[in-house]
Amino acid sequence: MNNEQTAVKATYFSIIGNTCLAIIKGLAGFFGNSYALIADAIESTTDIFASFLVLFGIKYANRPADSNHPYGHGRAEPLITFLVVGFLITSATIIAYESIINISIPHDLPKPWTLIVLGSIIIWKEFSFRLVMKRSIETNSSSLKADAWHHRSDAITSVAAFIGISIALILGKGYEEADDWAALFASGFILYNSYLIFRPALGEIMDEHLYDDLIAHIREVAFQVEGIIDTEKCFIRKSGMKYHVDLHAIVNADISVKEGHDLAHQLKDTLRKEIPELGHVLIHVEPHTYS
């Protein structure tokens, strides 16, 4: 299974899971008198649309290069990530606004059984976060990482709801709003997670230098090619699930232009074979003279 198939499969997992949870949370919140659960359902609903965006982004970003996009379409991924962050911020804002309104409105205590629902949701969402995050690391997908953090933020809102409902049930009448305060507190966590998702995607768009480990690996592989004396500059740009590389390789100054050309191609082929996540590899040959 290639990276695109792995990422797509993980995204379908998110879509199906979020759809089921949105229904369960909405019904449990309505019949269980819990706005925190209803807020959770709102977030899960936005997560469904966000996951569809991620799915579109992954499929579009993996389209082959063409005359108008010689480096491929990978930059669509961080752009989709920005949209996903927008969904997160919107859901956090809605939750915060509704929580503030509900704090001042008298309402019944949440039902005790809503804690069972929340406990099950917390376990499932944490499992979902770990699974999707693992797939995002395997595929180098920034949008899939954003989707994983949707699961983690969902787990956080559920934990906050669990605490708020527990306080309301333990302390009884007069503490009904603890459930609403929990939802308000959770919205702050969602906004913080939005920043954690947004920052790496911005770095990707801006070609920020974040790949020291990959550069070290590239230099190590380069030395395996006979005729490569050393390496100098190595610049990396991430685009979608691929890394584009510009590398300066030092070779013997006394070899012919053709030999240097062939050596550059050999180095390029070796790098792409040993490091499959590399996309375009541009080798600039530098002469080395022995003194």
C-alpha atoms as a PDB file:
ATOM      1  CA  MET A   1       0.000   0.000   0.000  1.00  0.00           C
ATOM      2  CA  ASN A   2       1.504   3.382  -1.038  1.00  0.00           C
ATOM      3  CA  ASN A   3       1.395   6.594   0.990  1.00  0.00           C
ATOM      4  CA  GLU A   4      -1.667   7.981  -0.777  1.00  0.00           C
ATOM      5  CA  GLN A   5      -3.683   4.794  -0.203  1.00  0.00           C
ATOM      6  CA  THR A   6      -2.627   4.729   3.459  1.00  0.00           C
ATOM      7  CA  ALA A   7      -3.639   8.376   3.953  1.00  0.00           C
ATOM      8  CA  VAL A   8      -6.963   7.938   2.131  1.00  0.00           C
ATOM      9  CA  LYS A   9      -7.807   4.861   4.200  1.00  0.00           C
ATOM     10  CA  ALA A  10      -7.048   6.762   7.429  1.00  0.00           C
ATOM     11  CA  THR A  11      -9.254   9.652   6.276  1.00  0.00           C
ATOM     12  CA  TYR A  12     -12.211   7.345   5.560  1.00  0.00           C
ATOM     13  CA  PHE A  13     -11.715   5.947   9.068  1.00  0.00           C
ATOM     14  CA  SER A  14     -12.037   9.499  10.447  1.00  0.00           C
ATOM     15  CA  ILE A  15     -15.135  10.308   8.387  1.00  0.00           C
ATOM     16  CA  ILE A  16     -17.021   7.168   9.437  1.00  0.00           C
ATOM     17  CA  GLY A  17     -15.964   7.490  13.088  1.00  0.00           C
ATOM     18  CA  ASN A  18     -16.878  11.183  13.341  1.00  0.00           C
ATOM     19  CA  THR A  19     -20.265  10.635  11.701  1.00  0.00           C
ATOM     20  CA  CYS A  20     -21.189   7.936  14.202  1.00  0.00           C
ATOM     21  CA  LEU A  21     -19.913   9.957  17.164  1.00  0.00           C
ATOM     22  CA  ALA A  22     -21.700  13.153  16.097  1.00  0.00           C
ATOM     23  CA  ILE A  23     -25.012  11.270  16.133  1.00  0.00           C
ATOM     24  CA  ILE A  24     -24.282   9.535  19.459  1.00  0.00           C
ATOM     25  CA  LYS A  25     -23.125  12.752  21.160  1.00  0.00           C
ATOM     26  CA  GLY A  26     -26.032  14.802  19.839  1.00  0.00           C
ATOM     27  CA  LEU A  27     -28.639  12.313  21.042  1.00  0.00           C
ATOM     28  CA  ALA A  28     -26.893  11.768  24.395  1.00  0.00           C
ATOM     29  CA  GLY A  29     -26.553  15.526  24.939  1.00  0.00           C
ATOM     30  CA  PHE A  30     -30.182  16.231  24.081  1.00  0.00           C
ATOM     31  CA  PHE A  31     -31.737  13.455  26.157  1.00  0.00           C
ATOM     32  CA  GLY A  32     -29.086  13.666  28.890  1.00  0.00           C
ATOM     33  CA  ASN A  33     -29.380  17.457  29.480  1.00  0.00           C
ATOM     34  CA  SER A  34     -25.693  18.039  28.717  1.00  0.00           C
ATOM     35  CA  TYR A  35     -24.589  21.027  26.663  1.00  0.00           C
ATOM     36  CA  ALA A  36     -20.992  19.848  26.896  1.00  0.00           C
ATOM     37  CA  LEU A  37     -22.026  16.731  24.961  1.00  0.00           C
ATOM     38  CA  ILE A  38     -23.958  18.835  22.458  1.00  0.00           C
ATOM     39  CA  ALA A  39     -20.832  21.004  22.050  1.00  0.00           C
ATOM     40  CA  ASP A  40     -18.887  17.802  21.465  1.00  0.00           C
ATOM     41  CA  ALA A  41     -21.410  16.835  18.785  1.00  0.00           C
ATOM     42  CA  ILE A  42     -20.955  20.218  17.099  1.00  0.00           C
ATOM     43  CA  GLU A  43     -17.199  19.685  16.945  1.00  0.00           C
ATOM     44  CA  SER A  44     -17.606  16.148  15.584  1.00  0.00           C
ATOM     45  CA  THR A  45     -19.915  17.501  12.877  1.00  0.00           C
ATOM     46  CA  THR A  46     -17.313  20.055  11.786  1.00  0.00           C
ATOM     47  CA  ASP A  47     -14.746  17.255  11.912  1.00  0.00           C
ATOM     48  CA  ILE A  48     -16.738  15.342   9.278  1.00  0.00           C
ATOM     49  CA  PHE A  49     -16.511  18.229   6.817  1.00  0.00           C
ATOM     50  CA  ALA A  50     -12.859  18.802   7.753  1.00  0.00           C
ATOM     51  CA  SER A  51     -12.066  15.145   7.028  1.00  0.00           C
ATOM     52  CA  PHE A  52     -13.728  15.431   3.616  1.00  0.00           C
ATOM     53  CA  LEU A  53     -11.468  18.429   2.958  1.00  0.00           C
ATOM     54  CA  VAL A  54      -8.443  16.370   4.010  1.00  0.00           C
ATOM     55  CA  LEU A  55      -9.542  13.582   1.663  1.00  0.00           C
ATOM     56  CA  PHE A  56      -9.828  16.032  -1.230  1.00  0.00           C
ATOM     57  CA  GLY A  57      -6.462  17.578  -0.356  1.00  0.00           C
ATOM     58  CA  ILE A  58      -4.666  14.231  -0.260  1.00  0.00           C
ATOM     59  CA  LYS A  59      -6.104  13.129  -3.598  1.00  0.00           C
ATOM     60  CA  TYR A  60      -5.369  16.477  -5.271  1.00  0.00           C
ATOM     61  CA  ALA A  61      -1.886  16.811  -3.781  1.00  0.00           C
ATOM     62  CA  ASN A  62      -0.907  13.417  -5.185  1.00  0.00           C
ATOM     63  CA  ARG A  63      -1.854  14.246  -8.764  1.00  0.00           C
ATOM     64  CA  PRO A  64       1.181  13.863 -11.064  1.00  0.00           C
ATOM     65  CA  ALA A  65       3.218  16.848 -12.196  1.00  0.00           C
ATOM     66  CA  ASP A  66       2.117  18.620 -15.373  1.00  0.00           C
ATOM     67  CA  SER A  67       3.290  21.507 -17.537  1.00  0.00           C
ATOM     68  CA  ASN A  68       1.732  24.071 -15.197  1.00  0.00           C
ATOM     69  CA  HIS A  69       2.858  22.321 -12.005  1.00  0.00           C
ATOM     70  CA  PRO A  70       6.316  20.831 -12.672  1.00  0.00           C
ATOM     71  CA  TYR A  71       6.818  20.104  -8.970  1.00  0.00           C
ATOM     72  CA  GLY A  72       3.431  18.438  -8.646  1.00  0.00           C
ATOM     73  CA  HIS A  73       0.401  19.570  -6.636  1.00  0.00           C
ATOM     74  CA  GLY A  74       1.718  18.867  -3.127  1.00  0.00           C
ATOM     75  CA  ARG A  75       1.329  22.424  -1.871  1.00  0.00           C
ATOM     76  CA  ALA A  76      -2.431  21.858  -1.862  1.00  0.00           C
ATOM     77  CA  GLU A  77      -1.958  19.874   1.372  1.00  0.00           C
ATOM     78  CA  PRO A  78      -0.935  22.750   3.673  1.00  0.00           C
ATOM     79  CA  LEU A  79      -3.607  24.937   2.066  1.00  0.00           C
ATOM     80  CA  ILE A  80      -6.191  22.311   2.993  1.00  0.00           C
ATOM     81  CA  THR A  81      -4.655  22.225   6.478  1.00  0.00           C
ATOM     82  CA  PHE A  82      -5.361  25.963   6.797  1.00  0.00           C
ATOM     83  CA  LEU A  83      -9.018  25.300   5.929  1.00  0.00           C
ATOM     84  CA  VAL A  84      -9.167  22.492   8.505  1.00  0.00           C
ATOM     85  CA  VAL A  85      -7.777  24.892  11.119  1.00  0.00           C
ATOM     86  CA  GLY A  86     -10.520  27.316  10.103  1.00  0.00           C
ATOM     87  CA  PHE A  87     -13.113  24.615  10.867  1.00  0.00           C
ATOM     88  CA  LEU A  88     -11.516  24.057  14.283  1.00  0.00           C
ATOM     89  CA  ILE A  89     -11.524  27.759  15.130  1.00  0.00           C
ATOM     90  CA  THR A  90     -15.145  28.081  13.981  1.00  0.00           C
ATOM     91  CA  SER A  91     -16.287  25.153  16.114  1.00  0.00           C
ATOM     92  CA  ALA A  92     -14.363  26.489  19.139  1.00  0.00           C
ATOM     93  CA  THR A  93     -15.998  29.901  18.700  1.00  0.00           C
ATOM     94  CA  ILE A  94     -19.495  28.400  18.445  1.00  0.00           C
ATOM     95  CA  ILE A  95     -18.908  26.231  21.524  1.00  0.00           C
ATOM     96  CA  ALA A  96     -17.581  29.182  23.547  1.00  0.00           C
ATOM     97  CA  TYR A  97     -20.468  31.449  22.518  1.00  0.00           C
ATOM     98  CA  GLU A  98     -23.158  28.876  23.299  1.00  0.00           C
ATOM     99  CA  SER A  99     -21.466  27.957  26.592  1.00  0.00           C
ATOM    100  CA  ILE A 100     -21.467  31.568  27.781  1.00  0.00           C
ATOM    101  CA  ILE A 101     -25.160  31.896  26.910  1.00  0.00           C
ATOM    102  CA  ASN A 102     -26.082  28.618  28.625  1.00  0.00           C
ATOM    103  CA  ILE A 103     -24.182  29.494  31.820  1.00  0.00           C
ATOM    104  CA  SER A 104     -26.758  32.205  32.565  1.00  0.00           C
ATOM    105  CA  ILE A 105     -29.783  30.031  31.700  1.00  0.00           C
ATOM    106  CA  PRO A 106     -31.158  27.715  34.435  1.00  0.00           C
ATOM    107  CA  HIS A 107     -31.367  24.098  33.316  1.00  0.00           C
ATOM    108  CA  ASP A 108     -31.578  20.565  34.709  1.00  0.00           C
ATOM    109  CA  LEU A 109     -28.634  18.515  35.903  1.00  0.00           C
ATOM    110  CA  PRO A 110     -27.077  16.208  33.289  1.00  0.00           C
ATOM    111  CA  LYS A 111     -28.096  12.548  33.451  1.00  0.00           C
ATOM    112  CA  PRO A 112     -25.563  10.224  35.184  1.00  0.00           C
ATOM    113  CA  TRP A 113     -25.495   7.829  32.227  1.00  0.00           C
ATOM    114  CA  THR A 114     -23.928  10.525  30.059  1.00  0.00           C
ATOM    115  CA  LEU A 115     -20.649   9.795  31.896  1.00  0.00           C
ATOM    116  CA  ILE A 116     -20.640   6.269  30.465  1.00  0.00           C
ATOM    117  CA  VAL A 117     -21.128   7.676  26.980  1.00  0.00           C
ATOM    118  CA  LEU A 118     -18.314  10.178  27.487  1.00  0.00           C
ATOM    119  CA  GLY A 119     -15.925   7.581  28.916  1.00  0.00           C
ATOM    120  CA  SER A 120     -16.401   5.402  25.838  1.00  0.00           C
ATOM    121  CA  ILE A 121     -15.928   8.392  23.529  1.00  0.00           C
ATOM    122  CA  ILE A 122     -12.685   9.447  25.249  1.00  0.00           C
ATOM    123  CA  ILE A 123     -11.161   5.981  24.803  1.00  0.00           C
ATOM    124  CA  TRP A 124     -12.241   5.777  21.147  1.00  0.00           C
ATOM    125  CA  LYS A 125     -11.037   9.280  20.233  1.00  0.00           C
ATOM    126  CA  GLU A 126      -7.629   8.768  21.841  1.00  0.00           C
ATOM    127  CA  PHE A 127      -7.280   5.501  19.918  1.00  0.00           C
ATOM    128  CA  SER A 128      -8.306   7.334  16.727  1.00  0.00           C
ATOM    129  CA  PHE A 129      -5.751  10.103  17.386  1.00  0.00           C
ATOM    130  CA  ARG A 130      -2.897   7.627  17.818  1.00  0.00           C
ATOM    131  CA  LEU A 131      -3.887   5.636  14.729  1.00  0.00           C
ATOM    132  CA  VAL A 132      -4.272   8.629  12.398  1.00  0.00           C
ATOM    133  CA  MET A 133      -1.152  10.338  13.788  1.00  0.00           C
ATOM    134  CA  LYS A 134       0.844   7.167  13.102  1.00  0.00           C
ATOM    135  CA  ARG A 135      -0.423   7.196   9.517  1.00  0.00           C
ATOM    136  CA  SER A 136       0.418  10.900   9.140  1.00  0.00           C
ATOM    137  CA  ILE A 137       4.022  10.203  10.201  1.00  0.00           C
ATOM    138  CA  GLU A 138       4.249   7.229   7.822  1.00  0.00           C
ATOM    139  CA  THR A 139       2.993   9.299   4.886  1.00  0.00           C
ATOM    140  CA  ASN A 140       4.535  12.719   5.756  1.00  0.00           C
ATOM    141  CA  SER A 141       1.040  14.233   5.418  1.00  0.00           C
ATOM    142  CA  SER A 142       0.461  17.591   7.143  1.00  0.00           C
ATOM    143  CA  SER A 143      -3.294  17.536   6.461  1.00  0.00           C
ATOM    144  CA  LEU A 144      -3.575  14.021   7.904  1.00  0.00           C
ATOM    145  CA  LYS A 145      -1.722  15.284  10.980  1.00  0.00           C
ATOM    146  CA  ALA A 146      -4.339  18.047  11.263  1.00  0.00           C
ATOM    147  CA  ASP A 147      -7.040  15.390  11.032  1.00  0.00           C
ATOM    148  CA  ALA A 148      -5.333  13.443  13.834  1.00  0.00           C
ATOM    149  CA  TRP A 149      -5.336  16.529  16.041  1.00  0.00           C
ATOM    150  CA  HIS A 150      -9.058  16.826  15.421  1.00  0.00           C
ATOM    151  CA  HIS A 151      -9.407  13.489  17.192  1.00  0.00           C
ATOM    152  CA  ARG A 152      -7.190  14.663  20.077  1.00  0.00           C
ATOM    153  CA  SER A 153      -9.117  17.932  20.475  1.00  0.00           C
ATOM    154  CA  ASP A 154     -12.333  15.908  20.459  1.00  0.00           C
ATOM    155  CA  ALA A 155     -10.918  13.718  23.236  1.00  0.00           C
ATOM    156  CA  ILE A 156      -9.979  16.847  25.203  1.00  0.00           C
ATOM    157  CA  THR A 157     -13.483  18.330  24.925  1.00  0.00           C
ATOM    158  CA  SER A 158     -14.889  14.981  26.049  1.00  0.00           C
ATOM    159  CA  VAL A 159     -12.564  14.909  29.078  1.00  0.00           C
ATOM    160  CA  ALA A 160     -13.639  18.453  29.972  1.00  0.00           C
ATOM    161  CA  ALA A 161     -17.290  17.449  29.587  1.00  0.00           C
ATOM    162  CA  PHE A 162     -16.713  14.378  31.769  1.00  0.00           C
ATOM    163  CA  ILE A 163     -15.195  16.541  34.518  1.00  0.00           C
ATOM    164  CA  GLY A 164     -17.929  19.183  34.240  1.00  0.00           C
ATOM    165  CA  ILE A 165     -20.773  16.656  34.387  1.00  0.00           C
ATOM    166  CA  SER A 166     -19.093  14.844  37.301  1.00  0.00           C
ATOM    167  CA  ILE A 167     -18.855  18.105  39.266  1.00  0.00           C
ATOM    168  CA  ALA A 168     -22.490  18.946  38.507  1.00  0.00           C
ATOM    169  CA  LEU A 169     -23.683  15.487  39.597  1.00  0.00           C
ATOM    170  CA  ILE A 170     -21.538  15.315  42.745  1.00  0.00           C
ATOM    171  CA  LEU A 171     -22.293  18.836  44.006  1.00  0.00           C
ATOM    172  CA  GLY A 172     -25.907  18.763  42.850  1.00  0.00           C
ATOM    173  CA  LYS A 173     -28.373  21.628  42.470  1.00  0.00           C
ATOM    174  CA  GLY A 174     -26.764  24.995  41.941  1.00  0.00           C
ATOM    175  CA  TYR A 175     -23.825  23.538  40.001  1.00  0.00           C
ATOM    176  CA  GLU A 176     -25.650  22.716  36.776  1.00  0.00           C
ATOM    177  CA  GLU A 177     -23.518  25.261  34.914  1.00  0.00           C
ATOM    178  CA  ALA A 178     -20.338  23.236  35.598  1.00  0.00           C
ATOM    179  CA  ASP A 179     -21.207  21.359  32.427  1.00  0.00           C
ATOM    180  CA  ASP A 180     -21.245  24.625  30.450  1.00  0.00           C
ATOM    181  CA  TRP A 181     -17.997  25.852  32.016  1.00  0.00           C
ATOM    182  CA  ALA A 182     -16.411  22.583  30.924  1.00  0.00           C
ATOM    183  CA  ALA A 183     -17.486  23.217  27.326  1.00  0.00           C
ATOM    184  CA  LEU A 184     -16.093  26.769  27.508  1.00  0.00           C
ATOM    185  CA  PHE A 185     -12.791  25.481  28.897  1.00  0.00           C
ATOM    186  CA  ALA A 186     -12.611  22.885  26.105  1.00  0.00           C
ATOM    187  CA  SER A 187     -13.006  25.573  23.432  1.00  0.00           C
ATOM    188  CA  GLY A 188      -9.757  27.134  24.680  1.00  0.00           C
ATOM    189  CA  PHE A 189      -7.941  23.826  24.181  1.00  0.00           C
ATOM    190  CA  ILE A 190      -9.327  23.583  20.655  1.00  0.00           C
ATOM    191  CA  LEU A 191      -7.968  27.049  19.812  1.00  0.00           C
ATOM    192  CA  TYR A 192      -4.552  26.095  21.198  1.00  0.00           C
ATOM    193  CA  ASN A 193      -4.508  22.911  19.126  1.00  0.00           C
ATOM    194  CA  SER A 194      -5.466  24.989  16.090  1.00  0.00           C
ATOM    195  CA  TYR A 195      -2.212  26.896  16.483  1.00  0.00           C
ATOM    196  CA  LEU A 196      -0.218  23.661  16.846  1.00  0.00           C
ATOM    197  CA  ILE A 197      -1.671  22.439  13.542  1.00  0.00           C
ATOM    198  CA  PHE A 198      -1.354  25.778  11.737  1.00  0.00           C
ATOM    199  CA  ARG A 199       2.303  26.478  12.574  1.00  0.00           C
ATOM    200  CA  PRO A 200       3.953  23.504  10.779  1.00  0.00           C
ATOM    201  CA  ALA A 201       1.719  23.973   7.713  1.00  0.00           C
ATOM    202  CA  LEU A 202       2.782  27.633   7.546  1.00  0.00           C
ATOM    203  CA  GLY A 203       6.427  26.523   7.761  1.00  0.00           C
ATOM    204  CA  GLU A 204       5.839  24.161   4.841  1.00  0.00           C
ATOM    205  CA  ILE A 205       4.361  26.929   2.684  1.00  0.00           C
ATOM    206  CA  MET A 206       7.252  29.271   3.602  1.00  0.00           C
ATOM    207  CA  ASP A 207       9.951  26.599   2.924  1.00  0.00           C
ATOM    208  CA  GLU A 208      11.107  26.824   6.517  1.00  0.00           C
ATOM    209  CA  HIS A 209      14.239  24.820   7.374  1.00  0.00           C
ATOM    210  CA  LEU A 210      12.982  21.951   9.545  1.00  0.00           C
ATOM    211  CA  TYR A 211      14.743  18.887   8.161  1.00  0.00           C
ATOM    212  CA  ASP A 212      18.171  18.475   9.770  1.00  0.00           C
ATOM    213  CA  ASP A 213      17.686  14.720  10.297  1.00  0.00           C
ATOM    214  CA  LEU A 214      16.746  14.184   6.641  1.00  0.00           C
ATOM    215  CA  ILE A 215      19.744  16.247   5.475  1.00  0.00           C
ATOM    216  CA  ALA A 216      22.066  14.106   7.613  1.00  0.00           C
ATOM    217  CA  HIS A 217      20.525  10.976   6.061  1.00  0.00           C
ATOM    218  CA  ILE A 218      20.962  12.374   2.536  1.00  0.00           C
ATOM    219  CA  ARG A 219      24.642  13.110   3.168  1.00  0.00           C
ATOM    220  CA  GLU A 220      25.132   9.619   4.585  1.00  0.00           C
ATOM    221  CA  VAL A 221      23.574   7.997   1.507  1.00  0.00           C
ATOM    222  CA  ALA A 222      25.600  10.247  -0.827  1.00  0.00           C
ATOM    223  CA  PHE A 223      28.847   8.815   0.514  1.00  0.00           C
ATOM    224  CA  GLN A 224      27.728   5.362  -0.619  1.00  0.00           C
ATOM    225  CA  VAL A 225      28.105   6.486  -4.238  1.00  0.00           C
ATOM    226  CA  GLU A 226      31.612   5.859  -5.521  1.00  0.00           C
ATOM    227  CA  GLY A 227      33.093   9.092  -6.833  1.00  0.00           C
ATOM    228  CA  ILE A 228      31.267  11.428  -4.464  1.00  0.00           C
ATOM    229  CA  ILE A 229      33.989  13.000  -2.349  1.00  0.00           C
ATOM    230  CA  ASP A 230      31.789  15.199  -0.177  1.00  0.00           C
ATOM    231  CA  THR A 231      28.581  17.256  -0.124  1.00  0.00           C
ATOM    232  CA  GLU A 232      28.041  20.957   0.477  1.00  0.00           C
ATOM    233  CA  LYS A 233      24.751  22.833   0.397  1.00  0.00           C
ATOM    234  CA  CYS A 234      21.599  20.791   0.881  1.00  0.00           C
ATOM    235  CA  PHE A 235      18.234  22.542   0.681  1.00  0.00           C
ATOM    236  CA  ILE A 236      14.920  20.775   1.264  1.00  0.00           C
ATOM    237  CA  ARG A 237      11.358  21.840   0.500  1.00  0.00           C
ATOM    238  CA  LYS A 238       8.365  19.785   1.557  1.00  0.00           C
ATOM    239  CA  SER A 239       5.468  19.541  -0.876  1.00  0.00           C
ATOM    240  CA  GLY A 240       2.611  17.256   0.094  1.00  0.00           C
ATOM    241  CA  MET A 241       4.065  13.883   1.043  1.00  0.00           C
ATOM    242  CA  LYS A 242       7.337  14.439  -0.836  1.00  0.00           C
ATOM    243  CA  TYR A 243      10.591  16.288  -0.116  1.00  0.00           C
ATOM    244  CA  HIS A 244      12.310  18.126  -2.976  1.00  0.00           C
ATOM    245  CA  VAL A 245      16.090  18.334  -2.614  1.00  0.00           C
ATOM    246  CA  ASP A 246      18.821  20.627  -3.999  1.00  0.00           C
ATOM    247  CA  LEU A 247      22.232  19.114  -3.225  1.00  0.00           C
ATOM    248  CA  HIS A 248      25.773  20.229  -4.059  1.00  0.00           C
ATOM    249  CA  ALA A 249      28.053  17.231  -4.554  1.00  0.00           C
ATOM    250  CA  ILE A 250      31.847  17.488  -4.692  1.00  0.00           C
ATOM    251  CA  VAL A 251      33.636  15.310  -7.275  1.00  0.00           C
ATOM    252  CA  ASN A 252      37.154  15.046  -8.669  1.00  0.00           C
ATOM    253  CA  ALA A 253      37.867  18.110 -10.822  1.00  0.00           C
ATOM    254  CA  ASP A 254      39.855  16.042 -13.317  1.00  0.00           C
ATOM    255  CA  ILE A 255      36.944  13.902 -14.578  1.00  0.00           C
ATOM    256  CA  SER A 256      35.125  14.767 -17.803  1.00  0.00           C
ATOM    257  CA  VAL A 257      31.842  16.677 -17.991  1.00  0.00           C
ATOM    258  CA  LYS A 258      30.107  13.456 -19.074  1.00  0.00           C
ATOM    259  CA  GLU A 259      31.540  11.541 -16.105  1.00  0.00           C
ATOM    260  CA  GLY A 260      30.369  14.288 -13.760  1.00  0.00           C
ATOM    261  CA  HIS A 261      26.936  14.235 -15.386  1.00  0.00           C
ATOM    262  CA  ASP A 262      26.682  10.447 -15.053  1.00  0.00           C
ATOM    263  CA  LEU A 263      27.840  10.627 -11.436  1.00  0.00           C
ATOM    264  CA  ALA A 264      25.139  13.193 -10.640  1.00  0.00           C
ATOM    265  CA  HIS A 265      22.470  10.911 -12.115  1.00  0.00           C
ATOM    266  CA  GLN A 266      23.846   7.941 -10.189  1.00  0.00           C
ATOM    267  CA  LEU A 267      23.681   9.964  -6.968  1.00  0.00           C
ATOM    268  CA  LYS A 268      20.133  11.102  -7.736  1.00  0.00           C
ATOM    269  CA  ASP A 269      18.952   7.546  -8.447  1.00  0.00           C
ATOM    270  CA  THR A 270      20.616   6.228  -5.282  1.00  0.00           C
ATOM    271  CA  LEU A 271      19.027   8.893  -3.099  1.00  0.00           C
ATOM    272  CA  ARG A 272      15.542   8.258  -4.488  1.00  0.00           C
ATOM    273  CA  LYS A 273      15.979   4.502  -4.080  1.00  0.00           C
ATOM    274  CA  GLU A 274      17.260   4.671  -0.498  1.00  0.00           C
ATOM    275  CA  ILE A 275      14.897   7.464   0.601  1.00  0.00           C
ATOM    276  CA  PRO A 276      11.516   6.843  -1.132  1.00  0.00           C
ATOM    277  CA  GLU A 277       9.900   9.988   0.283  1.00  0.00           C
ATOM    278  CA  LEU A 278      12.132  12.187  -1.894  1.00  0.00           C
ATOM    279  CA  GLY A 279      10.530  13.859  -4.911  1.00  0.00           C
ATOM    280  CA  HIS A 280      12.628  15.989  -7.257  1.00  0.00           C
ATOM    281  CA  VAL A 281      16.361  15.756  -6.602  1.00  0.00           C
ATOM    282  CA  LEU A 282      18.600  18.369  -8.230  1.00  0.00           C
ATOM    283  CA  ILE A 283      22.353  17.654  -8.051  1.00  0.00           C
ATOM    284  CA  HIS A 284      24.847  20.472  -8.601  1.00  0.00           C
ATOM    285  CA  VAL A 285      28.373  19.185  -9.215  1.00  0.00           C
ATOM    286  CA  GLU A 286      31.271  21.032  -7.558  1.00  0.00           C
ATOM    287  CA  PRO A 287      34.912  20.351  -8.572  1.00  0.00           C
ATOM    288  CA  HIS A 288      37.463  19.274  -5.996  1.00  0.00           C
ATOM    289  CA  THR A 289      41.169  19.725  -6.615  1.00  0.00           C
ATOM    290  CA  TYR A 290      43.792  17.835  -4.620  1.00  0.00           C
ATOM    291  CA  SER A 291      46.623  20.006  -3.359  1.00  0.00           C
END
